[in-house]
PDB file of N, CA and C in Angstrom:
ATOM      1  N   MET A   1      -2.344  10.053  18.839  1.00  0.00           N
ATOM      2  CA  MET A   1      -2.120   8.794  18.149  1.00  0.00           C
ATOM      3  C   MET A   1      -0.625   8.671  17.837  1.00  0.00           C
ATOM      4  N   PRO A   2      -0.028   7.515  18.127  1.00  0.00           N
ATOM      5  CA  PRO A   2       1.400   7.341  17.863  1.00  0.00           C
ATOM      6  C   PRO A   2       1.735   7.456  16.376  1.00  0.00           C
ATOM      7  N   GLN A   3       2.944   7.892  16.120  1.00  0.00           N
ATOM      8  CA  GLN A   3       3.372   8.140  14.751  1.00  0.00           C
ATOM      9  C   GLN A   3       3.362   6.860  13.918  1.00  0.00           C
ATOM     10  N   LYS A   4       3.713   5.727  14.520  1.00  0.00           N
ATOM     11  CA  LYS A   4       3.749   4.465  13.779  1.00  0.00           C
ATOM     12  C   LYS A   4       2.355   4.082  13.282  1.00  0.00           C
ATOM     13  N   GLN A   5       1.334   4.293  14.101  1.00  0.00           N
ATOM     14  CA  GLN A   5      -0.031   3.990  13.676  1.00  0.00           C
ATOM     15  C   GLN A   5      -0.464   4.894  12.532  1.00  0.00           C
ATOM     16  N   ILE A   6      -0.063   6.142  12.580  1.00  0.00           N
ATOM     17  CA  ILE A   6      -0.407   7.068  11.499  1.00  0.00           C
ATOM     18  C   ILE A   6       0.242   6.615  10.199  1.00  0.00           C
ATOM     19  N   VAL A   7       1.511   6.215  10.267  1.00  0.00           N
ATOM     20  CA  VAL A   7       2.209   5.734   9.073  1.00  0.00           C
ATOM     21  C   VAL A   7       1.521   4.493   8.522  1.00  0.00           C
ATOM     22  N   MET A   8       1.119   3.572   9.398  1.00  0.00           N
ATOM     23  CA  MET A   8       0.432   2.358   8.950  1.00  0.00           C
ATOM     24  C   MET A   8      -0.904   2.677   8.293  1.00  0.00           C
ATOM     25  N   GLN A   9      -1.673   3.584   8.882  1.00  0.00           N
ATOM     26  CA  GLN A   9      -2.971   3.935   8.311  1.00  0.00           C
ATOM     27  C   GLN A   9      -2.819   4.614   6.959  1.00  0.00           C
ATOM     28  N   ILE A  10      -1.850   5.508   6.841  1.00  0.00           N
ATOM     29  CA  ILE A  10      -1.608   6.159   5.551  1.00  0.00           C
ATOM     30  C   ILE A  10      -1.147   5.129   4.523  1.00  0.00           C
ATOM     31  N   GLY A  11      -0.309   4.189   4.945  1.00  0.00           N
ATOM     32  CA  GLY A  11       0.159   3.144   4.040  1.00  0.00           C
ATOM     33  C   GLY A  11      -0.962   2.253   3.548  1.00  0.00           C
ATOM     34  N   LEU A  12      -1.865   1.870   4.441  1.00  0.00           N
ATOM     35  CA  LEU A  12      -2.993   1.032   4.026  1.00  0.00           C
ATOM     36  C   LEU A  12      -3.952   1.789   3.120  1.00  0.00           C
ATOM     37  N   LEU A  13      -4.162   3.065   3.396  1.00  0.00           N
ATOM     38  CA  LEU A  13      -4.986   3.888   2.513  1.00  0.00           C
ATOM     39  C   LEU A  13      -4.337   4.010   1.143  1.00  0.00           C
ATOM     40  N   ALA A  14      -3.029   4.216   1.107  1.00  0.00           N
ATOM     41  CA  ALA A  14      -2.313   4.306  -0.167  1.00  0.00           C
ATOM     42  C   ALA A  14      -2.385   2.988  -0.930  1.00  0.00           C
ATOM     43  N   ALA A  15      -2.313   1.870  -0.224  1.00  0.00           N
ATOM     44  CA  ALA A  15      -2.412   0.563  -0.873  1.00  0.00           C
ATOM     45  C   ALA A  15      -3.788   0.364  -1.495  1.00  0.00           C
ATOM     46  N   ALA A  16      -4.826   0.740  -0.768  1.00  0.00           N
ATOM     47  CA  ALA A  16      -6.179   0.600  -1.301  1.00  0.00           C
ATOM     48  C   ALA A  16      -6.388   1.496  -2.516  1.00  0.00           C
ATOM     49  N   LEU A  17      -5.906   2.729  -2.432  1.00  0.00           N
ATOM     50  CA  LEU A  17      -6.027   3.641  -3.573  1.00  0.00           C
ATOM     51  C   LEU A  17      -5.217   3.145  -4.768  1.00  0.00           C
ATOM     52  N   THR A  18      -4.021   2.638  -4.523  1.00  0.00           N
ATOM     53  CA  THR A  18      -3.195   2.105  -5.605  1.00  0.00           C
ATOM     54  C   THR A  18      -3.891   0.944  -6.288  1.00  0.00           C
ATOM     55  N   CYS A  19      -4.436   0.049  -5.495  1.00  0.00           N
ATOM     56  CA  CYS A  19      -5.123  -1.122  -6.035  1.00  0.00           C
ATOM     57  C   CYS A  19      -6.323  -0.708  -6.883  1.00  0.00           C
ATOM     58  N   GLY A  20      -7.151   0.160  -6.350  1.00  0.00           N
ATOM     59  CA  GLY A  20      -8.346   0.587  -7.068  1.00  0.00           C
ATOM     60  C   GLY A  20      -8.047   1.388  -8.322  1.00  0.00           C
ATOM     61  N   LEU A  21      -7.135   2.340  -8.220  1.00  0.00           N
ATOM     62  CA  LEU A  21      -6.820   3.172  -9.380  1.00  0.00           C
ATOM     63  C   LEU A  21      -6.111   2.388 -10.473  1.00  0.00           C
ATOM     64  N   LEU A  22      -5.222   1.473 -10.092  1.00  0.00           N
ATOM     65  CA  LEU A  22      -4.543   0.665 -11.096  1.00  0.00           C
ATOM     66  C   LEU A  22      -5.521  -0.275 -11.786  1.00  0.00           C
ATOM     67  N   LEU A  23      -6.426  -0.870 -11.032  1.00  0.00           N
ATOM     68  CA  LEU A  23      -7.443  -1.737 -11.626  1.00  0.00           C
ATOM     69  C   LEU A  23      -8.307  -0.947 -12.601  1.00  0.00           C
ATOM     70  N   TRP A  24      -8.736   0.239 -12.213  1.00  0.00           N
ATOM     71  CA  TRP A  24      -9.548   1.084 -13.088  1.00  0.00           C
ATOM     72  C   TRP A  24      -8.787   1.450 -14.361  1.00  0.00           C
ATOM     73  N   ARG A  25      -7.510   1.827 -14.215  1.00  0.00           N
ATOM     74  CA  ARG A  25      -6.710   2.238 -15.370  1.00  0.00           C
ATOM     75  C   ARG A  25      -6.495   1.080 -16.341  1.00  0.00           C
ATOM     76  N   ILE A  26      -6.169  -0.100 -15.810  1.00  0.00           N
ATOM     77  CA  ILE A  26      -5.923  -1.258 -16.678  1.00  0.00           C
ATOM     78  C   ILE A  26      -7.193  -1.640 -17.424  1.00  0.00           C
ATOM     79  N   LEU A  27      -8.320  -1.675 -16.725  1.00  0.00           N
ATOM     80  CA  LEU A  27      -9.572  -2.075 -17.365  1.00  0.00           C
ATOM     81  C   LEU A  27     -10.083  -1.008 -18.326  1.00  0.00           C
ATOM     82  N   ALA A  28      -9.822   0.266 -18.034  1.00  0.00           N
ATOM     83  CA  ALA A  28     -10.298   1.341 -18.904  1.00  0.00           C
ATOM     84  C   ALA A  28      -9.592   1.322 -20.254  1.00  0.00           C
ATOM     85  N   HIS A  29      -8.328   0.917 -20.273  1.00  0.00           N
ATOM     86  CA  HIS A  29      -7.584   0.905 -21.527  1.00  0.00           C
ATOM     87  C   HIS A  29      -7.754  -0.402 -22.288  1.00  0.00           C
ATOM     88  N   GLY A  30      -8.414  -1.352 -21.705  1.00  0.00           N
ATOM     89  CA  GLY A  30      -8.698  -2.614 -22.377  1.00  0.00           C
ATOM     90  C   GLY A  30      -7.445  -3.436 -22.639  1.00  0.00           C
ATOM     91  N   GLY A  31      -7.622  -4.505 -23.396  1.00  0.00           N
ATOM     92  CA  GLY A  31      -6.496  -5.340 -23.763  1.00  0.00           C
ATOM     93  C   GLY A  31      -6.152  -6.412 -22.745  1.00  0.00           C
ATOM     94  N   THR A  32      -6.915  -6.522 -21.687  1.00  0.00           N
ATOM     95  CA  THR A  32      -6.639  -7.550 -20.684  1.00  0.00           C
ATOM     96  C   THR A  32      -7.956  -7.986 -20.035  1.00  0.00           C
ATOM     97  N   ASP A  33      -7.937  -9.146 -19.433  1.00  0.00           N
ATOM     98  CA  ASP A  33      -9.145  -9.627 -18.773  1.00  0.00           C
ATOM     99  C   ASP A  33      -9.158  -9.194 -17.308  1.00  0.00           C
ATOM    100  N   ILE A  34     -10.271  -9.437 -16.658  1.00  0.00           N
ATOM    101  CA  ILE A  34     -10.465  -8.970 -15.286  1.00  0.00           C
ATOM    102  C   ILE A  34      -9.520  -9.677 -14.318  1.00  0.00           C
ATOM    103  N   LEU A  35      -9.229 -10.954 -14.551  1.00  0.00           N
ATOM    104  CA  LEU A  35      -8.349 -11.694 -13.642  1.00  0.00           C
ATOM    105  C   LEU A  35      -6.924 -11.147 -13.686  1.00  0.00           C
ATOM    106  N   ASP A  36      -6.407 -10.925 -14.883  1.00  0.00           N
ATOM    107  CA  ASP A  36      -5.051 -10.388 -15.017  1.00  0.00           C
ATOM    108  C   ASP A  36      -4.955  -8.993 -14.413  1.00  0.00           C
ATOM    109  N   ALA A  37      -5.951  -8.163 -14.682  1.00  0.00           N
ATOM    110  CA  ALA A  37      -5.954  -6.805 -14.135  1.00  0.00           C
ATOM    111  C   ALA A  37      -6.035  -6.833 -12.612  1.00  0.00           C
ATOM    112  N   SER A  38      -6.854  -7.724 -12.069  1.00  0.00           N
ATOM    113  CA  SER A  38      -6.995  -7.823 -10.616  1.00  0.00           C
ATOM    114  C   SER A  38      -5.699  -8.284  -9.959  1.00  0.00           C
ATOM    115  N   LEU A  39      -5.038  -9.267 -10.564  1.00  0.00           N
ATOM    116  CA  LEU A  39      -3.779  -9.757 -10.001  1.00  0.00           C
ATOM    117  C   LEU A  39      -2.705  -8.675 -10.018  1.00  0.00           C
ATOM    118  N   ARG A  40      -2.651  -7.907 -11.085  1.00  0.00           N
ATOM    119  CA  ARG A  40      -1.677  -6.813 -11.147  1.00  0.00           C
ATOM    120  C   ARG A  40      -1.978  -5.755 -10.091  1.00  0.00           C
ATOM    121  N   ALA A  41      -3.248  -5.409  -9.938  1.00  0.00           N
ATOM    122  CA  ALA A  41      -3.629  -4.382  -8.969  1.00  0.00           C
ATOM    123  C   ALA A  41      -3.362  -4.845  -7.539  1.00  0.00           C
ATOM    124  N   VAL A  42      -3.689  -6.092  -7.236  1.00  0.00           N
ATOM    125  CA  VAL A  42      -3.442  -6.621  -5.893  1.00  0.00           C
ATOM    126  C   VAL A  42      -1.938  -6.700  -5.624  1.00  0.00           C
ATOM    127  N   GLY A  43      -1.169  -7.078  -6.623  1.00  0.00           N
ATOM    128  CA  GLY A  43       0.286  -7.106  -6.472  1.00  0.00           C
ATOM    129  C   GLY A  43       0.853  -5.736  -6.155  1.00  0.00           C
ATOM    130  N   ALA A  44       0.349  -4.718  -6.832  1.00  0.00           N
ATOM    131  CA  ALA A  44       0.808  -3.352  -6.556  1.00  0.00           C
ATOM    132  C   ALA A  44       0.394  -2.917  -5.150  1.00  0.00           C
ATOM    133  N   GLY A  45      -0.822  -3.260  -4.739  1.00  0.00           N
ATOM    134  CA  GLY A  45      -1.273  -2.929  -3.387  1.00  0.00           C
ATOM    135  C   GLY A  45      -0.430  -3.612  -2.323  1.00  0.00           C
ATOM    136  N   LEU A  46      -0.085  -4.879  -2.552  1.00  0.00           N
ATOM    137  CA  LEU A  46       0.771  -5.599  -1.604  1.00  0.00           C
ATOM    138  C   LEU A  46       2.169  -4.991  -1.538  1.00  0.00           C
ATOM    139  N   ALA A  47       2.662  -4.518  -2.669  1.00  0.00           N
ATOM    140  CA  ALA A  47       3.976  -3.864  -2.670  1.00  0.00           C
ATOM    141  C   ALA A  47       3.953  -2.613  -1.797  1.00  0.00           C
ATOM    142  N   VAL A  48       2.865  -1.856  -1.856  1.00  0.00           N
ATOM    143  CA  VAL A  48       2.749  -0.659  -1.022  1.00  0.00           C
ATOM    144  C   VAL A  48       2.686  -1.045   0.456  1.00  0.00           C
ATOM    145  N   VAL A  49       1.963  -2.104   0.778  1.00  0.00           N
ATOM    146  CA  VAL A  49       1.886  -2.567   2.172  1.00  0.00           C
ATOM    147  C   VAL A  49       3.262  -3.013   2.669  1.00  0.00           C
ATOM    148  N   ILE A  50       4.004  -3.731   1.831  1.00  0.00           N
ATOM    149  CA  ILE A  50       5.343  -4.179   2.223  1.00  0.00           C
ATOM    150  C   ILE A  50       6.261  -2.990   2.460  1.00  0.00           C
ATOM    151  N   LEU A  51       6.196  -1.994   1.589  1.00  0.00           N
ATOM    152  CA  LEU A  51       7.011  -0.793   1.788  1.00  0.00           C
ATOM    153  C   LEU A  51       6.625  -0.069   3.072  1.00  0.00           C
ATOM    154  N   THR A  52       5.335  -0.054   3.389  1.00  0.00           N
ATOM    155  CA  THR A  52       4.888   0.574   4.630  1.00  0.00           C
ATOM    156  C   THR A  52       5.428  -0.172   5.848  1.00  0.00           C
ATOM    157  N   LEU A  53       5.388  -1.497   5.801  1.00  0.00           N
ATOM    158  CA  LEU A  53       5.928  -2.288   6.911  1.00  0.00           C
ATOM    159  C   LEU A  53       7.433  -2.081   7.063  1.00  0.00           C
ATOM    160  N   LEU A  54       8.138  -1.973   5.938  1.00  0.00           N
ATOM    161  CA  LEU A  54       9.569  -1.679   6.009  1.00  0.00           C
ATOM    162  C   LEU A  54       9.817  -0.316   6.631  1.00  0.00           C
ATOM    163  N   LEU A  55       9.007   0.664   6.267  1.00  0.00           N
ATOM    164  CA  LEU A  55       9.148   2.003   6.835  1.00  0.00           C
ATOM    165  C   LEU A  55       8.901   1.981   8.341  1.00  0.00           C
ATOM    166  N   CYS A  56       7.898   1.234   8.777  1.00  0.00           N
ATOM    167  CA  CYS A  56       7.632   1.123  10.218  1.00  0.00           C
ATOM    168  C   CYS A  56       8.783   0.419  10.930  1.00  0.00           C
ATOM    169  N   GLY A  57       9.375  -0.574  10.284  1.00  0.00           N
ATOM    170  CA  GLY A  57      10.536  -1.238  10.865  1.00  0.00           C
ATOM    171  C   GLY A  57      11.725  -0.298  10.990  1.00  0.00           C
ATOM    172  N   ILE A  58      11.907   0.551   9.992  1.00  0.00           N
ATOM    173  CA  ILE A  58      12.994   1.537  10.047  1.00  0.00           C
ATOM    174  C   ILE A  58      12.742   2.532  11.170  1.00  0.00           C
ATOM    175  N   ILE A  59      11.491   2.945  11.337  1.00  0.00           N
ATOM    176  CA  ILE A  59      11.153   3.868  12.427  1.00  0.00           C
ATOM    177  C   ILE A  59      11.495   3.230  13.773  1.00  0.00           C
ATOM    178  N   ASP A  60      11.166   1.950  13.936  1.00  0.00           N
ATOM    179  CA  ASP A  60      11.485   1.253  15.189  1.00  0.00           C
ATOM    180  C   ASP A  60      12.992   1.131  15.401  1.00  0.00           C
ATOM    181  N   ARG A  61      13.726   0.839  14.348  1.00  0.00           N
ATOM    182  CA  ARG A  61      15.183   0.680  14.454  1.00  0.00           C
ATOM    183  C   ARG A  61      15.873   1.992  14.820  1.00  0.00           C
ATOM    184  N   LEU A  62      15.301   3.099  14.371  1.00  0.00           N
ATOM    185  CA  LEU A  62      15.910   4.399  14.640  1.00  0.00           C
ATOM    186  C   LEU A  62      15.551   4.941  16.019  1.00  0.00           C
ATOM    187  N   GLY A  63      14.923   4.122  16.816  1.00  0.00           N
ATOM    188  CA  GLY A  63      14.634   4.556  18.179  1.00  0.00           C
ATOM    189  C   GLY A  63      13.160   4.698  18.464  1.00  0.00           C
ATOM    190  N   GLY A  64      12.329   4.319  17.522  1.00  0.00           N
ATOM    191  CA  GLY A  64      10.894   4.400  17.753  1.00  0.00           C
ATOM    192  C   GLY A  64      10.395   5.829  17.742  1.00  0.00           C
ATOM    193  N   THR A  65       9.209   5.985  18.257  1.00  0.00           N
ATOM    194  CA  THR A  65       8.583   7.298  18.324  1.00  0.00           C
ATOM    195  C   THR A  65       8.190   7.585  19.760  1.00  0.00           C
ATOM    196  N   THR A  66       7.939   8.810  20.064  1.00  0.00           N
ATOM    197  CA  THR A  66       7.498   9.165  21.409  1.00  0.00           C
ATOM    198  C   THR A  66       6.025   8.844  21.561  1.00  0.00           C
ATOM    199  N   GLY A  67       5.625   8.489  22.737  1.00  0.00           N
ATOM    200  CA  GLY A  67       4.219   8.236  23.016  1.00  0.00           C
ATOM    201  C   GLY A  67       3.794   6.801  22.835  1.00  0.00           C
ATOM    202  N   GLU A  68       4.713   5.883  22.551  1.00  0.00           N
ATOM    203  CA  GLU A  68       4.335   4.482  22.402  1.00  0.00           C
ATOM    204  C   GLU A  68       4.706   3.705  23.641  1.00  0.00           C
TER     205      GLU A  68
END
């Protein structure tokens, strides 16, 4: 499997874990409603996806990976 695909899969897994764990943490401590907590969690997940896409772009700029 090419290195770029591995980075993307790890990034998407990290985004899903970030979203779920942040949502759980915000709701467990109370003080906010489900909509606000969900928006914060989705925002954090999207930030992880954007960072992953930037990392893949950097990999491509540096000459890509072998096997693609």
